[in-house]
């Protein structure tokens, strides 16, 4: 029996409006404001020594909104608004520093995401870090990642970013064709990509990642191949390649729903073929596939700390408007409204909006589906950590995936085929609990 599709995940070839990318489990749509006390209780519990702790800081500002963007971002805020937000963010960090379950713990990984963290001026960034350092530092962090939009960068700003301890710079390139960048609402153009990348190399960031998206509006076979060639020529330490999707709240999705017209995005087989081509080209150049989206130079390691720690159950404190956290077995999210977020922090309350305590079985599923994105899982890992034989517990799902030639089982090691890896997200709901398989994901 075929399992129902989750929130318009592509059972057909066409790219339709709806969520595709699986980032967590259970789905966000079942998180509930009434469960916020569970998050508060987790934060007031005992520290958990030995469990890695990470920090996410959401910087929600952009020069313009990309037509495919579904994140909480703002393009209409002035300097005083930005300062008010950064003050709230620093206050939120101070509130977390007071919670008993975080006493004595240090951040092992930090991630500045957005929005556009590099939207901030050097001075705003320094002031934010100075405020955070009054209550917490990330001196012990193994990795500090900072997302950048190339057009927001100057050499002196990159120098500031490096000085605050950033070890992994991630450039939101997306494409090298200026027409495609414009059609999709990107704020930068290709000359800014090359200039900022050169500066970053000169400054000496330990790891530089570039993001690409396959199947953007206007994409063609020739343009995609040229983009892959240019990305290879830059020789980044890692490259992350997403397949274009259209969650409900993007500009393209709203236009498609309003007009009833197809969104004009390449179909899923084409996008998988394009990503498969890119994987092959980078592998031929010596890169290693470390997930369904990421390839790394051998010198850059097998992935990155933020991803690997989260996918193995680390605690994460997410700060900023609409940010998500996972702590001591409880998922929770901040207010997704600017005024509510700022007001809560200003009044000395954590800005928690909704939450969900998860069962041990749901924690097992969460780690299983996320680790499958690397292309393989080890049954021994789950046997030791959860006391569960995943080959038996999810026998029907494995039978389905193996029968579709999307996976192979070799003892404890279960590996996705290349075709399975390139379509991993729509495979993952096969492992969900039944009540979560046919509902909206976000």
Protein backbone atom coordinates (compact mmCIF):
# COMPACT_ATOMS: atom_id res chain seq x y z
CA UNK A 1 0.00 0.00 0.00
CA UNK A 2 1.36 3.42 -0.94
CA UNK A 3 1.51 5.90 1.90
CA UNK A 4 -0.31 9.21 1.47
CA UNK A 5 1.77 12.19 0.46
CA UNK A 6 2.55 14.90 3.01
CA UNK A 7 1.40 18.45 2.20
CA UNK A 8 1.70 18.33 -1.58
CA UNK A 9 5.00 16.52 -1.58
CA UNK A 10 5.53 15.48 -5.18
CA UNK A 11 3.71 12.25 -5.87
CA UNK A 12 3.61 13.55 -9.45
CA UNK A 13 6.42 14.99 -11.50
CA UNK A 14 5.23 18.61 -11.61
CA UNK A 15 6.49 21.12 -9.06
CA UNK A 16 3.35 22.17 -7.23
CA UNK A 17 2.81 24.57 -4.36
CA UNK A 18 3.50 22.88 -1.04
CA UNK A 19 6.24 21.85 1.37
CA UNK A 20 8.82 19.35 0.24
CA UNK A 21 11.89 19.74 2.45
CA UNK A 22 11.71 17.80 5.74
CA UNK A 23 13.61 19.72 8.43
CA UNK A 24 12.20 18.21 11.63
CA UNK A 25 9.76 15.72 13.09
CA UNK A 26 6.93 15.70 14.10
CA UNK A 27 5.64 18.23 11.54
CA UNK A 28 5.53 21.88 12.60
CA UNK A 29 1.78 21.99 12.07
CA UNK A 30 1.16 19.91 15.21
CA UNK A 31 3.19 22.20 17.51
CA UNK A 32 0.81 23.98 19.89
CA UNK A 33 0.84 27.18 22.01
CA UNK A 34 -0.71 25.17 24.85
CA UNK A 35 2.49 23.11 25.05
CA UNK A 36 4.76 26.09 25.81
CA UNK A 37 4.89 25.14 29.55
CA UNK A 38 6.71 21.94 28.49
CA UNK A 39 9.44 24.07 26.93
CA UNK A 40 9.68 26.21 30.06
CA UNK A 41 9.96 23.07 32.19
CA UNK A 42 12.75 21.68 30.00
CA UNK A 43 14.70 24.93 30.34
CA UNK A 44 14.22 24.84 34.11
CA UNK A 45 15.49 21.27 34.39
CA UNK A 46 18.93 19.91 35.19
CA UNK A 47 21.84 20.50 32.80
CA UNK A 48 22.55 17.57 30.48
CA UNK A 49 26.32 17.09 30.46
CA UNK A 50 27.62 15.37 27.36
CA UNK A 51 24.79 16.57 25.10
CA UNK A 52 26.13 19.02 22.49
CA UNK A 53 24.58 22.49 22.64
CA UNK A 54 24.19 24.80 19.66
CA UNK A 55 22.97 28.34 19.07
CA UNK A 56 21.02 29.72 16.13
CA UNK A 57 20.67 33.50 15.71
CA UNK A 58 18.06 34.68 13.23
CA UNK A 59 18.85 37.95 11.45
CA UNK A 60 15.61 38.58 9.52
CA UNK A 61 16.61 41.52 7.30
CA UNK A 62 17.04 41.48 3.53
CA UNK A 63 17.60 44.09 0.84
CA UNK A 64 14.70 42.53 -1.07
CA UNK A 65 12.57 39.42 -0.74
CA UNK A 66 13.42 36.58 -3.13
CA UNK A 67 10.38 35.35 -5.02
CA UNK A 68 10.94 31.80 -3.70
CA UNK A 69 11.68 32.74 -0.07
CA UNK A 70 9.48 31.29 2.69
CA UNK A 71 11.42 32.50 5.74
CA UNK A 72 10.42 35.24 8.17
CA UNK A 73 12.25 38.22 6.67
CA UNK A 74 11.75 41.99 6.51
CA UNK A 75 12.73 44.38 3.74
CA UNK A 76 11.11 47.54 5.14
CA UNK A 77 12.96 48.15 8.41
CA UNK A 78 15.03 51.28 9.06
CA UNK A 79 18.18 51.61 11.19
CA UNK A 80 16.27 52.22 14.42
CA UNK A 81 14.13 49.12 13.78
CA UNK A 82 17.26 47.04 13.26
CA UNK A 83 18.77 48.38 16.49
CA UNK A 84 15.55 47.59 18.39
CA UNK A 85 15.60 44.04 17.06
CA UNK A 86 19.26 43.52 17.95
CA UNK A 87 18.54 44.81 21.45
CA UNK A 88 15.71 42.26 21.76
CA UNK A 89 18.00 39.51 20.48
CA UNK A 90 20.66 40.36 23.08
CA UNK A 91 17.98 40.43 25.80
CA UNK A 92 16.75 37.01 24.69
CA UNK A 93 20.29 35.63 24.98
CA UNK A 94 20.52 37.03 28.51
CA UNK A 95 17.22 35.38 29.44
CA UNK A 96 18.50 31.99 28.26
CA UNK A 97 21.72 32.45 30.23
CA UNK A 98 19.62 32.52 33.40
CA UNK A 99 17.87 29.18 32.84
CA UNK A 100 19.02 26.33 35.07
CA UNK A 101 19.29 23.69 32.32
CA UNK A 102 21.85 25.86 30.53
CA UNK A 103 24.11 26.56 33.49
CA UNK A 104 27.70 25.59 32.89
CA UNK A 105 27.13 24.62 29.28
CA UNK A 106 29.03 26.04 26.32
CA UNK A 107 28.02 26.32 22.69
CA UNK A 108 29.71 23.74 20.50
CA UNK A 109 28.33 25.24 17.30
CA UNK A 110 26.79 28.57 16.32
CA UNK A 111 24.84 29.52 13.22
CA UNK A 112 23.92 33.02 12.03
CA UNK A 113 21.02 32.56 9.61
CA UNK A 114 18.40 34.67 7.96
CA UNK A 115 17.23 36.58 6.27
CA UNK A 116 20.64 38.03 5.64
CA UNK A 117 23.06 38.21 8.58
CA UNK A 118 25.47 40.20 6.39
CA UNK A 119 22.76 42.86 6.06
CA UNK A 120 24.06 44.17 9.40
CA UNK A 121 26.75 46.83 9.33
CA UNK A 122 30.11 46.10 10.89
CA UNK A 123 29.23 48.39 13.78
CA UNK A 124 25.84 46.74 14.39
CA UNK A 125 27.48 43.33 14.32
CA UNK A 126 30.19 44.36 16.80
CA UNK A 127 27.61 45.87 19.17
CA UNK A 128 25.51 42.70 19.06
CA UNK A 129 28.46 40.45 19.83
CA UNK A 130 29.62 42.76 22.64
CA UNK A 131 26.16 42.54 24.21
CA UNK A 132 26.05 38.74 23.88
CA UNK A 133 29.56 38.41 25.32
CA UNK A 134 28.31 40.00 28.55
CA UNK A 135 26.40 36.77 29.28
CA UNK A 136 27.77 34.11 26.93
CA UNK A 137 30.61 33.44 24.50
CA UNK A 138 31.33 30.84 21.87
CA UNK A 139 35.05 30.56 22.50
CA UNK A 140 34.64 26.79 22.82
CA UNK A 141 32.64 26.40 19.60
CA UNK A 142 34.01 23.98 17.03
CA UNK A 143 32.23 25.86 14.27
CA UNK A 144 30.62 29.26 13.77
CA UNK A 145 28.70 29.65 10.50
CA UNK A 146 27.60 32.96 9.01
CA UNK A 147 25.27 33.29 5.99
CA UNK A 148 25.98 36.10 3.52
CA UNK A 149 24.33 37.68 0.51
CA UNK A 150 27.22 38.66 -1.80
CA UNK A 151 25.89 42.14 -2.56
CA UNK A 152 25.92 43.15 1.12
CA UNK A 153 29.63 42.49 1.56
CA UNK A 154 32.63 44.80 1.67
CA UNK A 155 36.10 43.72 2.59
CA UNK A 156 35.99 45.49 5.96
CA UNK A 157 32.70 43.77 6.83
CA UNK A 158 34.17 40.37 6.02
CA UNK A 159 37.11 41.23 8.26
CA UNK A 160 34.66 42.00 11.08
CA UNK A 161 32.82 38.73 10.48
CA UNK A 162 36.08 36.81 10.73
CA UNK A 163 37.10 38.68 13.90
CA UNK A 164 33.94 37.65 15.77
CA UNK A 165 35.03 34.03 15.38
CA UNK A 166 33.27 32.88 12.21
CA UNK A 167 34.92 29.74 10.84
CA UNK A 168 32.45 28.80 8.11
CA UNK A 169 31.24 31.44 5.67
CA UNK A 170 28.24 30.49 3.54
CA UNK A 171 27.61 32.57 0.42
CA UNK A 172 24.08 32.57 -0.95
CA UNK A 173 25.12 32.47 -4.60
CA UNK A 174 22.12 30.43 -5.90
CA UNK A 175 23.10 31.00 -9.57
CA UNK A 176 25.67 32.80 -11.71
CA UNK A 177 23.34 33.92 -14.50
CA UNK A 178 22.23 37.52 -13.92
CA UNK A 179 18.94 37.08 -15.77
CA UNK A 180 17.97 34.13 -13.57
CA UNK A 181 19.02 36.01 -10.44
CA UNK A 182 16.76 38.91 -11.46
CA UNK A 183 13.79 36.71 -12.45
CA UNK A 184 13.89 35.07 -9.03
CA UNK A 185 14.19 38.30 -7.07
CA UNK A 186 17.77 37.98 -5.88
CA UNK A 187 19.35 41.27 -4.82
CA UNK A 188 22.88 40.55 -6.05
CA UNK A 189 24.47 40.06 -9.46
CA UNK A 190 27.34 37.81 -10.52
CA UNK A 191 30.18 40.41 -10.27
CA UNK A 192 29.38 40.78 -6.56
CA UNK A 193 29.72 37.01 -6.12
CA UNK A 194 33.24 36.88 -7.53
CA UNK A 195 34.38 40.00 -5.67
CA UNK A 196 33.12 38.87 -2.27
CA UNK A 197 34.49 35.36 -2.73
CA UNK A 198 37.94 36.73 -3.55
CA UNK A 199 37.89 38.92 -0.43
CA UNK A 200 36.81 35.98 1.72
CA UNK A 201 39.67 33.87 0.42
CA UNK A 202 42.18 36.65 1.04
CA UNK A 203 40.94 37.13 4.62
CA UNK A 204 41.36 33.42 5.28
CA UNK A 205 38.08 31.88 6.43
CA UNK A 206 38.78 28.23 7.28
CA UNK A 207 35.78 27.04 5.27
CA UNK A 208 33.76 28.73 2.54
CA UNK A 209 30.50 27.21 1.32
CA UNK A 210 28.45 28.36 -1.65
CA UNK A 211 24.74 27.66 -2.08
CA UNK A 212 23.15 26.85 -5.44
CA UNK A 213 19.52 26.15 -6.39
CA UNK A 214 18.62 23.85 -9.27
CA UNK A 215 15.46 24.66 -11.19
CA UNK A 216 14.94 28.34 -10.51
CA UNK A 217 12.56 30.31 -12.74
CA UNK A 218 14.20 30.66 -16.16
CA UNK A 219 16.61 27.75 -15.70
CA UNK A 220 17.80 25.90 -18.80
CA UNK A 221 20.10 22.96 -19.39
CA UNK A 222 22.89 25.16 -20.73
CA UNK A 223 22.60 27.78 -17.98
CA UNK A 224 22.70 25.12 -15.27
CA UNK A 225 25.79 23.51 -16.76
CA UNK A 226 27.54 26.87 -16.93
CA UNK A 227 26.64 27.56 -13.30
CA UNK A 228 28.13 24.22 -12.26
CA UNK A 229 31.28 24.99 -14.25
CA UNK A 230 31.66 28.39 -12.60
CA UNK A 231 31.09 26.90 -9.14
CA UNK A 232 33.78 24.29 -9.80
CA UNK A 233 36.18 26.99 -10.97
CA UNK A 234 35.76 28.81 -7.65
CA UNK A 235 36.81 25.63 -5.80
CA UNK A 236 34.79 26.26 -2.61
CA UNK A 237 35.41 24.05 0.40
CA UNK A 238 31.83 22.85 0.16
CA UNK A 239 28.84 23.41 -2.07
CA UNK A 240 25.19 23.05 -1.08
CA UNK A 241 22.69 22.43 -3.88
CA UNK A 242 18.96 22.59 -3.27
CA UNK A 243 16.14 21.64 -5.61
CA UNK A 244 13.72 24.53 -6.08
CA UNK A 245 10.48 24.08 -4.16
CA UNK A 246 7.48 26.35 -3.54
CA UNK A 247 6.13 26.38 0.02
CA UNK A 248 2.78 28.09 0.42
CA UNK A 249 3.95 31.54 1.51
CA UNK A 250 6.36 32.39 -1.34
CA UNK A 251 5.64 35.13 -3.86
CA UNK A 252 5.65 32.61 -6.72
CA UNK A 253 3.24 30.34 -4.81
CA UNK A 254 0.81 33.15 -4.05
CA UNK A 255 0.82 34.21 -7.69
CA UNK A 256 0.22 30.65 -8.84
CA UNK A 257 -2.68 30.17 -6.43
CA UNK A 258 -4.23 33.53 -7.36
CA UNK A 259 -4.08 32.96 -11.11
CA UNK A 260 -4.46 29.20 -11.23
CA UNK A 261 -1.45 29.09 -13.55
CA UNK A 262 1.43 26.64 -13.24
CA UNK A 263 4.35 28.22 -11.34
CA UNK A 264 6.79 27.70 -14.23
CA UNK A 265 9.38 25.71 -12.27
CA UNK A 266 11.20 22.71 -13.74
CA UNK A 267 9.65 19.36 -12.85
CA UNK A 268 11.16 17.06 -10.24
CA UNK A 269 12.83 14.58 -12.62
CA UNK A 270 14.58 17.49 -14.35
CA UNK A 271 15.75 18.99 -11.07
CA UNK A 272 17.02 15.63 -9.85
CA UNK A 273 18.88 15.16 -13.12
CA UNK A 274 20.45 18.60 -12.84
CA UNK A 275 21.58 18.00 -9.25
CA UNK A 276 22.82 14.55 -10.25
CA UNK A 277 24.90 16.15 -13.00
CA UNK A 278 26.37 18.64 -10.52
CA UNK A 279 27.18 15.84 -8.06
CA UNK A 280 28.98 13.93 -10.80
CA UNK A 281 31.02 16.96 -11.85
CA UNK A 282 32.09 17.78 -8.31
CA UNK A 283 32.89 14.15 -7.53
CA UNK A 284 35.10 14.03 -10.61
CA UNK A 285 36.94 17.03 -9.15
CA UNK A 286 37.62 15.17 -5.89
CA UNK A 287 34.64 16.25 -3.77
CA UNK A 288 32.73 13.83 -1.55
CA UNK A 289 28.94 13.69 -1.26
CA UNK A 290 28.06 14.22 2.41
CA UNK A 291 24.28 14.65 2.16
CA UNK A 292 21.46 14.96 -0.36
CA UNK A 293 22.45 18.60 -0.77
CA UNK A 294 26.14 18.94 0.13
CA UNK A 295 29.52 18.05 -1.32
CA UNK A 296 32.80 18.75 0.45
CA UNK A 297 36.46 18.79 -0.39
CA UNK A 298 38.24 16.04 1.55
CA UNK A 299 40.24 18.74 3.32
CA UNK A 300 37.00 20.30 4.59
CA UNK A 301 35.87 17.16 6.38
CA UNK A 302 32.76 15.08 5.81
CA UNK A 303 30.14 17.74 6.47
CA UNK A 304 29.66 20.48 9.00
CA UNK A 305 29.21 20.45 12.74
CA UNK A 306 25.85 22.27 12.88
CA UNK A 307 24.16 19.74 10.62
CA UNK A 308 25.78 16.62 11.99
CA UNK A 309 25.16 17.52 15.63
CA UNK A 310 21.50 18.43 15.05
CA UNK A 311 20.85 15.25 13.09
CA UNK A 312 22.18 13.23 16.02
CA UNK A 313 19.98 14.83 18.66
CA UNK A 314 21.98 17.80 19.93
CA UNK A 315 20.25 20.57 21.85
CA UNK A 316 19.70 23.78 19.87
CA UNK A 317 18.63 27.16 21.21
CA UNK A 318 17.09 29.22 18.40
CA UNK A 319 16.98 32.97 19.01
CA UNK A 320 15.24 35.68 17.03
CA UNK A 321 11.80 36.10 15.55
CA UNK A 322 10.16 32.81 14.44
CA UNK A 323 13.24 30.73 15.34
CA UNK A 324 12.97 27.03 16.16
CA UNK A 325 14.60 25.21 19.08
CA UNK A 326 15.03 21.60 20.12
CA UNK A 327 15.95 21.16 23.78
CA UNK A 328 15.80 18.15 26.12
CA UNK A 329 13.19 16.41 24.01
CA UNK A 330 10.96 19.44 23.44
CA UNK A 331 10.51 21.37 20.19
CA UNK A 332 9.55 25.02 20.46
CA UNK A 333 9.29 28.10 18.29
CA UNK A 334 9.44 31.83 19.00
CA UNK A 335 6.71 34.30 18.10
CA UNK A 336 6.67 34.80 14.35
CA UNK A 337 5.35 38.35 14.62
CA UNK A 338 7.86 41.20 14.96
CA UNK A 339 5.91 43.18 17.58
CA UNK A 340 5.16 40.13 19.74
CA UNK A 341 8.78 39.01 19.64
CA UNK A 342 10.29 42.39 20.52
CA UNK A 343 7.69 43.10 23.22
CA UNK A 344 8.23 39.76 24.94
CA UNK A 345 12.02 40.15 25.08
CA UNK A 346 11.75 43.77 26.21
CA UNK A 347 9.42 42.72 29.03
CA UNK A 348 11.87 40.06 30.21
CA UNK A 349 10.00 36.98 28.96
CA UNK A 350 11.28 34.37 26.55
CA UNK A 351 9.30 34.88 23.32
CA UNK A 352 7.98 31.30 23.12
CA UNK A 353 4.95 30.84 20.88
CA UNK A 354 4.32 27.11 20.42
CA UNK A 355 5.93 23.83 21.45
CA UNK A 356 5.74 20.06 21.34
CA UNK A 357 7.27 17.56 23.77
CA UNK A 358 8.18 14.49 21.73
CA UNK A 359 8.04 10.82 22.68
CA UNK A 360 11.12 8.55 22.55
CA UNK A 361 9.67 6.94 19.42
CA UNK A 362 9.28 10.33 17.75
CA UNK A 363 12.86 11.22 18.72
CA UNK A 364 13.95 7.99 17.04
CA UNK A 365 12.04 8.86 13.86
CA UNK A 366 13.44 12.38 13.88
CA UNK A 367 17.04 11.21 13.97
CA UNK A 368 16.37 8.42 11.47
CA UNK A 369 14.81 10.62 8.79
CA UNK A 370 17.38 13.38 9.24
CA UNK A 371 20.34 11.00 9.12
CA UNK A 372 18.90 9.35 6.00
CA UNK A 373 19.62 12.67 4.28
CA UNK A 374 23.33 11.79 4.50
CA UNK A 375 22.66 8.82 2.23
CA UNK A 376 23.02 6.03 4.77
CA UNK A 377 22.16 5.03 8.33
CA UNK A 378 23.70 2.58 10.77
CA UNK A 379 21.20 0.29 12.49
CA UNK A 380 23.74 -0.23 15.28
CA UNK A 381 23.59 3.48 16.18
CA UNK A 382 19.82 3.29 16.77
CA UNK A 383 20.07 -0.06 18.53
CA UNK A 384 22.57 1.39 21.01
CA UNK A 385 20.89 4.78 21.52
CA UNK A 386 17.20 3.85 21.40
CA UNK A 387 17.16 0.07 21.93
CA UNK A 388 15.24 -0.38 18.68
CA UNK A 389 15.94 -2.55 15.64
CA UNK A 390 15.07 -0.10 12.90
CA UNK A 391 15.00 -2.80 10.23
CA UNK A 392 12.11 -4.46 12.09
CA UNK A 393 10.41 -1.33 13.44
CA UNK A 394 10.15 0.20 9.95
CA UNK A 395 10.06 -2.99 7.90
CA UNK A 396 7.25 -1.78 5.62
CA UNK A 397 9.03 1.49 4.84
CA UNK A 398 12.31 -0.27 4.06
CA UNK A 399 10.52 -2.81 1.87
CA UNK A 400 8.90 0.00 -0.08
CA UNK A 401 12.11 1.97 -0.56
CA UNK A 402 14.21 -1.08 -1.45
CA UNK A 403 11.48 -2.29 -3.80
CA UNK A 404 11.59 1.05 -5.60
CA UNK A 405 15.40 0.67 -5.99
CA UNK A 406 15.95 3.69 -3.73
CA UNK A 407 17.91 1.84 -1.02
CA UNK A 408 20.07 -1.20 -0.36
CA UNK A 409 20.47 -3.06 2.95
CA UNK A 410 23.89 -4.47 3.78
CA UNK A 411 23.78 -5.83 7.32
CA UNK A 412 23.49 -2.90 9.73
CA UNK A 413 24.27 -0.38 7.00
CA UNK A 414 21.29 0.89 4.98
CA UNK A 415 22.31 2.98 1.99
CA UNK A 416 20.26 5.06 -0.37
CA UNK A 417 20.99 4.72 -4.04
CA UNK A 418 21.89 7.91 -5.87
CA UNK A 419 18.32 8.16 -7.17
CA UNK A 420 17.03 7.62 -3.63
CA UNK A 421 19.34 10.31 -2.26
CA UNK A 422 18.20 12.83 -4.86
CA UNK A 423 14.55 12.30 -3.88
CA UNK A 424 15.09 11.65 -0.17
CA UNK A 425 12.61 14.22 1.19
CA UNK A 426 9.46 12.70 -0.34
CA UNK A 427 10.61 9.27 0.88
CA UNK A 428 10.85 10.31 4.52
CA UNK A 429 7.09 10.42 5.38
CA UNK A 430 7.08 6.63 4.95
CA UNK A 431 8.73 6.53 8.39
CA UNK A 432 6.32 8.98 10.05
CA UNK A 433 3.72 7.86 12.56
CA UNK A 434 0.43 7.33 10.78
CA UNK A 435 -1.28 10.45 12.15
CA UNK A 436 1.48 12.62 10.67
CA UNK A 437 1.53 11.21 7.14
CA UNK A 438 -1.31 13.04 5.51
CA UNK A 439 -1.27 16.45 7.12
CA UNK A 440 0.21 19.82 6.25
CA UNK A 441 3.88 19.88 7.25
CA UNK A 442 4.24 23.56 8.25
